[in-house]
Amino acid sequence: MSKDTVIEVNNVSMEFNLSEEKTDNLKEFVIKFIKREIRFQSFWALNNVSLRINKGDKVGFVGLNGAGKSTLLKIISGVLKPTKGTVKVNGSLAPLLALGAGFDPNYSGRENIYLNGATLGHSRADMDKKFEDIVSFAEIEDFIDVPVKNYSSGMKSRLAFSIATSINPDILILDEVLSVGDMSFQRKCRDRMDTLMSDASMLFVSHSVGQVRNLCDKAIWLHKGSIIAAGEVNEICDQYEAYVKNL
């Protein structure tokens, strides 16, 4: 991997096994599994995907639902391990995927800041320095010592976004996260993203082709787990929109 390359994906494939049997609870599933009454259908979410992201690239991923966009970002982020192939990352990652999914609902917002920060690879000392800014940006000062299970979905998303973007990363990975909170908070998110993106590389998934055009300089079109086209953002978005119109 060259010094200018921050992400290298080589021949990555991802298989999921989908159960063909309906089970109403875990006990019923275990009994059927032991009796070998559970049958699985193999589903390949990604098929032999290879790509290279260079330093400073802003890459948008477009494609229909089920194309494999989110699965690919989860593999690059380390959330999923590919069935086949390899991923190499050179630099620090800030994955903004399923905001708040890593929170412990029984812990307070304060405790989850340190827990989530550790998950992202940040030391306690780093989080101490950023703590006040995180709380202020998330607008949860009055609720910082309340268990997260009592937060609204918007409060959890704001806190997760604030934590993930508190320390400047080398690589930003975003999956439909620019609609966090109300209109005022969305403007704050965009301003912070503009600041972070001035130096960082970015991978971005959105169903809004307009957002991809506005935020990215390159695009990759995925369809049924394979790359259909990759290149300059407007060229790829034009191809994808023409395809969608003819469906």
Protein backbone atom coordinates (compact mmCIF):
# COMPACT_ATOMS: atom_id res chain seq x y z
CA MET A 1 0.00 0.00 0.00
CA SER A 2 1.51 3.33 -1.08
CA LYS A 3 1.90 6.25 1.36
CA ASP A 4 -0.89 8.14 -0.46
CA THR A 5 -3.37 5.26 -0.03
CA VAL A 6 -5.46 5.31 3.16
CA ILE A 7 -7.78 2.37 2.40
CA GLU A 8 -7.17 -0.65 0.21
CA VAL A 9 -9.91 -3.24 -0.29
CA ASN A 10 -8.83 -6.41 -2.08
CA ASN A 11 -11.29 -8.97 -3.47
CA VAL A 12 -13.71 -8.63 -0.55
CA SER A 13 -16.81 -10.82 -0.45
CA MET A 14 -19.38 -11.07 2.35
CA GLU A 15 -21.74 -14.01 2.86
CA PHE A 16 -24.75 -14.01 5.15
CA ASN A 17 -26.82 -17.06 6.02
CA LEU A 18 -30.54 -16.31 6.06
CA SER A 19 -32.81 -18.70 7.95
CA GLU A 20 -35.66 -20.10 5.87
CA GLU A 21 -37.57 -21.18 9.00
CA LYS A 22 -39.85 -18.95 11.06
CA THR A 23 -39.21 -19.21 14.80
CA ASP A 24 -41.10 -17.26 17.43
CA ASN A 25 -38.46 -17.34 20.15
CA LEU A 26 -34.88 -18.32 20.94
CA LYS A 27 -35.87 -21.61 22.64
CA GLU A 28 -37.75 -22.77 19.54
CA PHE A 29 -34.79 -21.79 17.33
CA VAL A 30 -32.30 -23.74 19.49
CA ILE A 31 -34.51 -26.85 19.49
CA LYS A 32 -34.92 -26.74 15.72
CA PHE A 33 -31.20 -26.08 15.27
CA ILE A 34 -30.26 -29.11 17.40
CA LYS A 35 -32.72 -31.27 15.46
CA ARG A 36 -31.20 -29.93 12.22
CA GLU A 37 -34.59 -28.54 11.23
CA ILE A 38 -33.17 -25.08 10.52
CA ARG A 39 -32.25 -24.50 6.90
CA PHE A 40 -30.21 -21.55 5.73
CA GLN A 41 -30.11 -19.73 2.43
CA SER A 42 -26.76 -18.27 1.45
CA PHE A 43 -26.77 -14.58 0.49
CA TRP A 44 -23.71 -12.77 -0.82
CA ALA A 45 -23.95 -9.09 0.12
CA LEU A 46 -20.61 -8.32 -1.57
CA ASN A 47 -18.93 -10.10 -4.48
CA ASN A 48 -15.20 -9.71 -5.06
CA VAL A 49 -15.07 -5.95 -4.39
CA SER A 50 -11.73 -4.14 -4.77
CA LEU A 51 -11.08 -0.42 -4.42
CA ARG A 52 -8.46 2.07 -3.30
CA ILE A 53 -9.04 5.34 -1.45
CA ASN A 54 -6.25 7.91 -1.52
CA LYS A 55 -5.49 10.61 1.00
CA GLY A 56 -7.96 13.48 0.68
CA ASP A 57 -10.47 11.57 -1.47
CA LYS A 58 -14.15 12.26 -0.77
CA VAL A 59 -15.95 9.18 -2.08
CA GLY A 60 -19.72 8.70 -2.21
CA PHE A 61 -21.38 5.30 -2.59
CA VAL A 62 -24.63 5.09 -4.54
CA GLY A 63 -26.91 2.16 -5.29
CA LEU A 64 -30.32 0.70 -4.59
CA ASN A 65 -31.31 -0.78 -1.22
CA GLY A 66 -29.44 -4.05 -0.72
CA ALA A 67 -26.58 -3.08 -3.03
CA GLY A 68 -24.01 -3.69 -0.27
CA LYS A 69 -23.06 -0.08 0.50
CA SER A 70 -23.53 -0.20 4.27
CA THR A 71 -22.03 -3.70 4.49
CA LEU A 72 -18.88 -2.48 2.75
CA LEU A 73 -18.50 0.48 5.12
CA LYS A 74 -18.97 -1.79 8.14
CA ILE A 75 -16.22 -4.08 6.85
CA ILE A 76 -13.86 -1.15 6.27
CA SER A 77 -14.69 0.15 9.77
CA GLY A 78 -13.93 -3.24 11.32
CA VAL A 79 -17.51 -3.84 12.49
CA LEU A 80 -17.78 -6.89 10.20
CA LYS A 81 -15.12 -9.35 9.10
CA PRO A 82 -15.31 -10.24 5.39
CA THR A 83 -15.90 -13.84 4.33
CA LYS A 84 -13.17 -13.47 1.75
CA GLY A 85 -10.58 -10.82 0.91
CA THR A 86 -8.63 -8.23 2.89
CA VAL A 87 -8.92 -4.61 3.98
CA LYS A 88 -5.94 -2.41 4.85
CA VAL A 89 -6.39 0.95 6.58
CA ASN A 90 -3.65 3.53 7.03
CA GLY A 91 -4.80 6.17 9.52
CA SER A 92 -7.34 6.81 12.29
CA LEU A 93 -11.01 6.12 11.57
CA ALA A 94 -14.16 7.88 12.72
CA PRO A 95 -17.03 5.58 11.72
CA LEU A 96 -20.40 7.32 12.02
CA LEU A 97 -22.54 4.23 11.53
CA ALA A 98 -25.80 3.50 13.39
CA LEU A 99 -25.21 6.37 15.80
CA GLY A 100 -25.65 5.36 19.42
CA ALA A 101 -25.62 1.62 18.71
CA GLY A 102 -22.52 1.16 20.89
CA PHE A 103 -23.99 2.82 23.98
CA ASP A 104 -24.72 0.87 27.17
CA PRO A 105 -28.29 1.94 28.04
CA ASN A 106 -27.74 1.47 31.78
CA TYR A 107 -24.72 3.79 31.85
CA SER A 108 -25.02 7.55 32.05
CA GLY A 109 -24.12 9.86 29.21
CA ARG A 110 -20.89 10.68 31.04
CA GLU A 111 -19.91 7.01 31.31
CA ASN A 112 -20.84 6.33 27.69
CA ILE A 113 -18.61 9.16 26.48
CA TYR A 114 -15.58 7.36 27.91
CA LEU A 115 -16.85 3.92 26.85
CA ASN A 116 -17.55 5.03 23.28
CA GLY A 117 -14.29 6.95 23.12
CA ALA A 118 -12.35 3.84 24.14
CA THR A 119 -14.17 1.86 21.44
CA LEU A 120 -12.98 4.42 18.90
CA GLY A 121 -9.41 4.04 20.17
CA HIS A 122 -9.18 7.24 22.21
CA SER A 123 -7.49 7.27 25.63
CA ARG A 124 -9.18 8.51 28.81
CA ALA A 125 -6.82 11.49 28.80
CA ASP A 126 -7.99 12.39 25.27
CA MET A 127 -11.62 12.15 26.33
CA ASP A 128 -10.94 14.26 29.46
CA LYS A 129 -9.70 17.07 27.20
CA LYS A 130 -12.72 16.82 24.89
CA PHE A 131 -15.40 16.08 27.50
CA GLU A 132 -16.84 19.58 27.94
CA ASP A 133 -16.88 20.23 24.19
CA ILE A 134 -18.65 16.90 23.56
CA VAL A 135 -21.37 17.64 26.12
CA SER A 136 -21.84 21.23 24.93
CA PHE A 137 -22.02 20.28 21.24
CA ALA A 138 -24.54 17.50 21.96
CA GLU A 139 -26.66 19.94 24.00
CA ILE A 140 -27.22 17.47 26.85
CA GLU A 141 -25.67 19.37 29.80
CA ASP A 142 -28.69 18.79 32.05
CA PHE A 143 -28.82 15.07 31.27
CA ILE A 144 -25.14 14.05 31.27
CA ASP A 145 -25.51 11.92 34.43
CA VAL A 146 -28.84 10.37 33.42
CA PRO A 147 -28.83 6.76 32.12
CA VAL A 148 -28.83 6.73 28.32
CA LYS A 149 -31.89 4.43 28.33
CA ASN A 150 -33.86 7.52 29.36
CA TYR A 151 -32.58 9.59 26.43
CA SER A 152 -34.68 10.27 23.38
CA SER A 153 -33.38 8.85 20.08
CA GLY A 154 -32.36 12.38 19.08
CA MET A 155 -30.33 12.89 22.26
CA LYS A 156 -28.49 9.59 21.74
CA SER A 157 -27.74 10.45 18.11
CA ARG A 158 -26.47 13.92 19.02
CA LEU A 159 -24.19 12.51 21.71
CA ALA A 160 -22.85 9.76 19.43
CA PHE A 161 -22.15 12.25 16.63
CA SER A 162 -20.42 14.61 19.04
CA ILE A 163 -18.17 11.82 20.39
CA ALA A 164 -17.27 10.43 16.96
CA THR A 165 -16.31 13.85 15.60
CA SER A 166 -14.59 15.20 18.72
CA ILE A 167 -11.07 14.22 17.65
CA ASN A 168 -9.95 14.95 14.10
CA PRO A 169 -9.67 11.61 12.26
CA ASP A 170 -7.72 10.77 9.11
CA ILE A 171 -10.74 8.99 7.62
CA LEU A 172 -14.44 9.76 8.08
CA ILE A 173 -16.98 7.02 7.37
CA LEU A 174 -20.59 8.17 7.22
CA ASP A 175 -23.76 6.19 6.59
CA GLU A 176 -26.90 8.36 6.39
CA VAL A 177 -25.99 10.41 9.49
CA LEU A 178 -26.46 13.97 8.26
CA SER A 179 -30.11 14.07 9.39
CA VAL A 180 -29.29 13.95 13.12
CA GLY A 181 -31.54 16.07 15.34
CA ASP A 182 -33.55 19.16 14.41
CA MET A 183 -32.74 21.70 11.69
CA SER A 184 -30.57 23.81 14.00
CA PHE A 185 -28.47 20.83 15.06
CA GLN A 186 -28.19 19.62 11.46
CA ARG A 187 -26.58 22.96 10.58
CA LYS A 188 -24.08 22.45 13.43
CA CYS A 189 -23.35 18.95 12.09
CA ARG A 190 -22.71 20.28 8.58
CA ASP A 191 -20.41 23.00 9.89
CA ARG A 192 -18.41 20.45 11.88
CA MET A 193 -18.30 18.09 8.89
CA ASP A 194 -16.97 20.91 6.71
CA THR A 195 -14.17 21.49 9.22
CA LEU A 196 -13.28 17.81 9.50
CA MET A 197 -13.46 17.16 5.77
CA SER A 198 -10.95 19.89 4.97
CA ASP A 199 -8.15 17.48 5.93
CA ALA A 200 -9.73 14.01 6.17
CA SER A 201 -10.56 11.43 3.55
CA MET A 202 -14.25 10.49 3.53
CA LEU A 203 -16.48 7.57 2.60
CA PHE A 204 -20.14 8.53 2.42
CA VAL A 205 -23.32 6.51 1.86
CA SER A 206 -26.58 8.30 1.21
CA HIS A 207 -29.84 7.70 -0.63
CA SER A 208 -29.64 11.37 -1.61
CA VAL A 209 -27.66 11.66 -4.84
CA GLY A 210 -27.73 15.41 -4.30
CA GLN A 211 -25.82 15.05 -1.02
CA VAL A 212 -23.27 12.80 -2.71
CA ARG A 213 -22.74 15.39 -5.46
CA ASN A 214 -22.36 18.21 -2.91
CA LEU A 215 -19.99 16.46 -0.51
CA CYS A 216 -17.90 14.17 -2.71
CA ASP A 217 -15.47 14.44 -5.62
CA LYS A 218 -15.61 10.75 -6.54
CA ALA A 219 -18.34 8.12 -6.51
CA ILE A 220 -18.71 4.35 -6.64
CA TRP A 221 -21.89 2.67 -7.88
CA LEU A 222 -22.68 -0.64 -6.22
CA HIS A 223 -25.33 -3.05 -7.48
CA LYS A 224 -26.12 -6.44 -5.95
CA GLY A 225 -22.78 -6.54 -4.18
CA SER A 226 -20.60 -5.62 -7.14
CA ILE A 227 -19.03 -2.38 -8.37
CA ILE A 228 -20.74 -1.24 -11.57
CA ALA A 229 -18.78 1.97 -12.08
CA ALA A 230 -16.32 4.25 -10.28
CA GLY A 231 -14.98 7.68 -11.14
CA GLU A 232 -15.72 11.40 -11.02
CA VAL A 233 -18.77 12.08 -8.86
CA ASN A 234 -21.06 13.79 -11.39
CA GLU A 235 -20.30 11.25 -14.11
CA ILE A 236 -21.14 8.28 -11.86
CA CYS A 237 -24.22 9.97 -10.35
CA ASP A 238 -25.51 10.76 -13.85
CA GLN A 239 -25.12 7.09 -14.84
CA TYR A 240 -26.86 5.90 -11.69
CA GLU A 241 -29.77 8.35 -11.98
CA ALA A 242 -30.28 7.38 -15.62
CA TYR A 243 -30.44 3.73 -14.56
CA VAL A 244 -32.95 4.45 -11.79
CA LYS A 245 -35.22 6.42 -14.15
CA ASN A 246 -35.45 3.44 -16.47
CA LEU A 247 -36.48 0.96 -13.76
